[in-house]
Amino acid sequence: MIIGLPYGYDTLLDREFKNGQDLSGGQWQRLVAARGLYRELFDLQAAGYLAEAADGPA
């Protein structure tokens, strides 16, 4: 999906932006699902780091 965009990861995803690209309904759904999975993974990693920092040195 990213490879097919005109500017790859740098593509702005909205027609209101100059050179912005609109996605189909299915593409928007895939993007939202991927962001949710990524956010969940990040939250779990951040919670692990915070727990380690709170425990202090062993």
Protein backbone atom coordinates (compact mmCIF):
# COMPACT_ATOMS: atom_id res chain seq x y z
CA MET A 1 0.00 0.00 0.00
CA ILE A 2 2.76 2.49 0.93
CA ILE A 3 4.80 1.63 -2.16
CA GLY A 4 1.88 2.61 -4.39
CA LEU A 5 1.61 6.11 -2.94
CA PRO A 6 3.24 8.94 -4.92
CA TYR A 7 5.67 9.97 -2.15
CA GLY A 8 5.78 6.72 -0.16
CA TYR A 9 5.81 7.33 3.59
CA ASP A 10 5.97 11.09 3.00
CA THR A 11 2.58 11.19 1.22
CA LEU A 12 -0.02 13.34 2.95
CA LEU A 13 -3.25 11.38 3.25
CA ASP A 14 -5.98 13.92 2.53
CA ARG A 15 -7.07 15.74 -0.60
CA GLU A 16 -7.15 19.03 1.34
CA PHE A 17 -3.33 19.10 1.34
CA LYS A 18 -1.41 20.16 -1.74
CA ASN A 19 -0.41 16.92 -3.50
CA GLY A 20 -2.42 14.99 -0.90
CA GLN A 21 -3.62 11.49 -1.71
CA ASP A 22 -7.01 10.08 -0.82
CA LEU A 23 -7.41 6.41 0.05
CA SER A 24 -10.28 4.05 -0.68
CA GLY A 25 -12.55 2.96 2.17
CA GLY A 26 -10.76 -0.38 2.48
CA GLN A 27 -7.35 1.28 2.52
CA TRP A 28 -8.44 3.62 5.33
CA GLN A 29 -9.68 0.61 7.30
CA ARG A 30 -6.35 -1.20 6.86
CA LEU A 31 -4.47 1.91 7.95
CA VAL A 32 -6.58 2.34 11.08
CA ALA A 33 -6.16 -1.34 12.00
CA ALA A 34 -2.38 -1.13 11.56
CA ARG A 35 -2.17 2.02 13.68
CA GLY A 36 -4.18 0.33 16.43
CA LEU A 37 -1.88 -2.70 16.46
CA TYR A 38 1.22 -0.50 16.44
CA ARG A 39 -0.13 1.65 19.29
CA GLU A 40 -0.93 -1.43 21.38
CA LEU A 41 2.60 -2.78 20.85
CA PHE A 42 4.12 0.59 21.76
CA ASP A 43 1.99 0.87 24.91
CA LEU A 44 3.12 -2.60 26.05
CA GLN A 45 6.77 -1.76 25.46
CA ALA A 46 6.48 1.60 27.22
CA ALA A 47 4.77 -0.04 30.21
CA GLY A 48 7.64 -2.53 30.44
CA TYR A 49 10.25 0.24 30.42
CA LEU A 50 8.37 2.19 33.07
CA ALA A 51 8.12 -0.89 35.29
CA GLU A 52 11.86 -1.49 34.96
CA ALA A 53 12.61 2.12 35.84
CA ALA A 54 10.31 2.00 38.88
CA ASP A 55 12.00 -1.14 40.19
CA GLY A 56 15.38 0.58 40.38
CA PRO A 57 18.74 -1.16 40.21
CA ALA A 58 18.87 -4.84 41.05
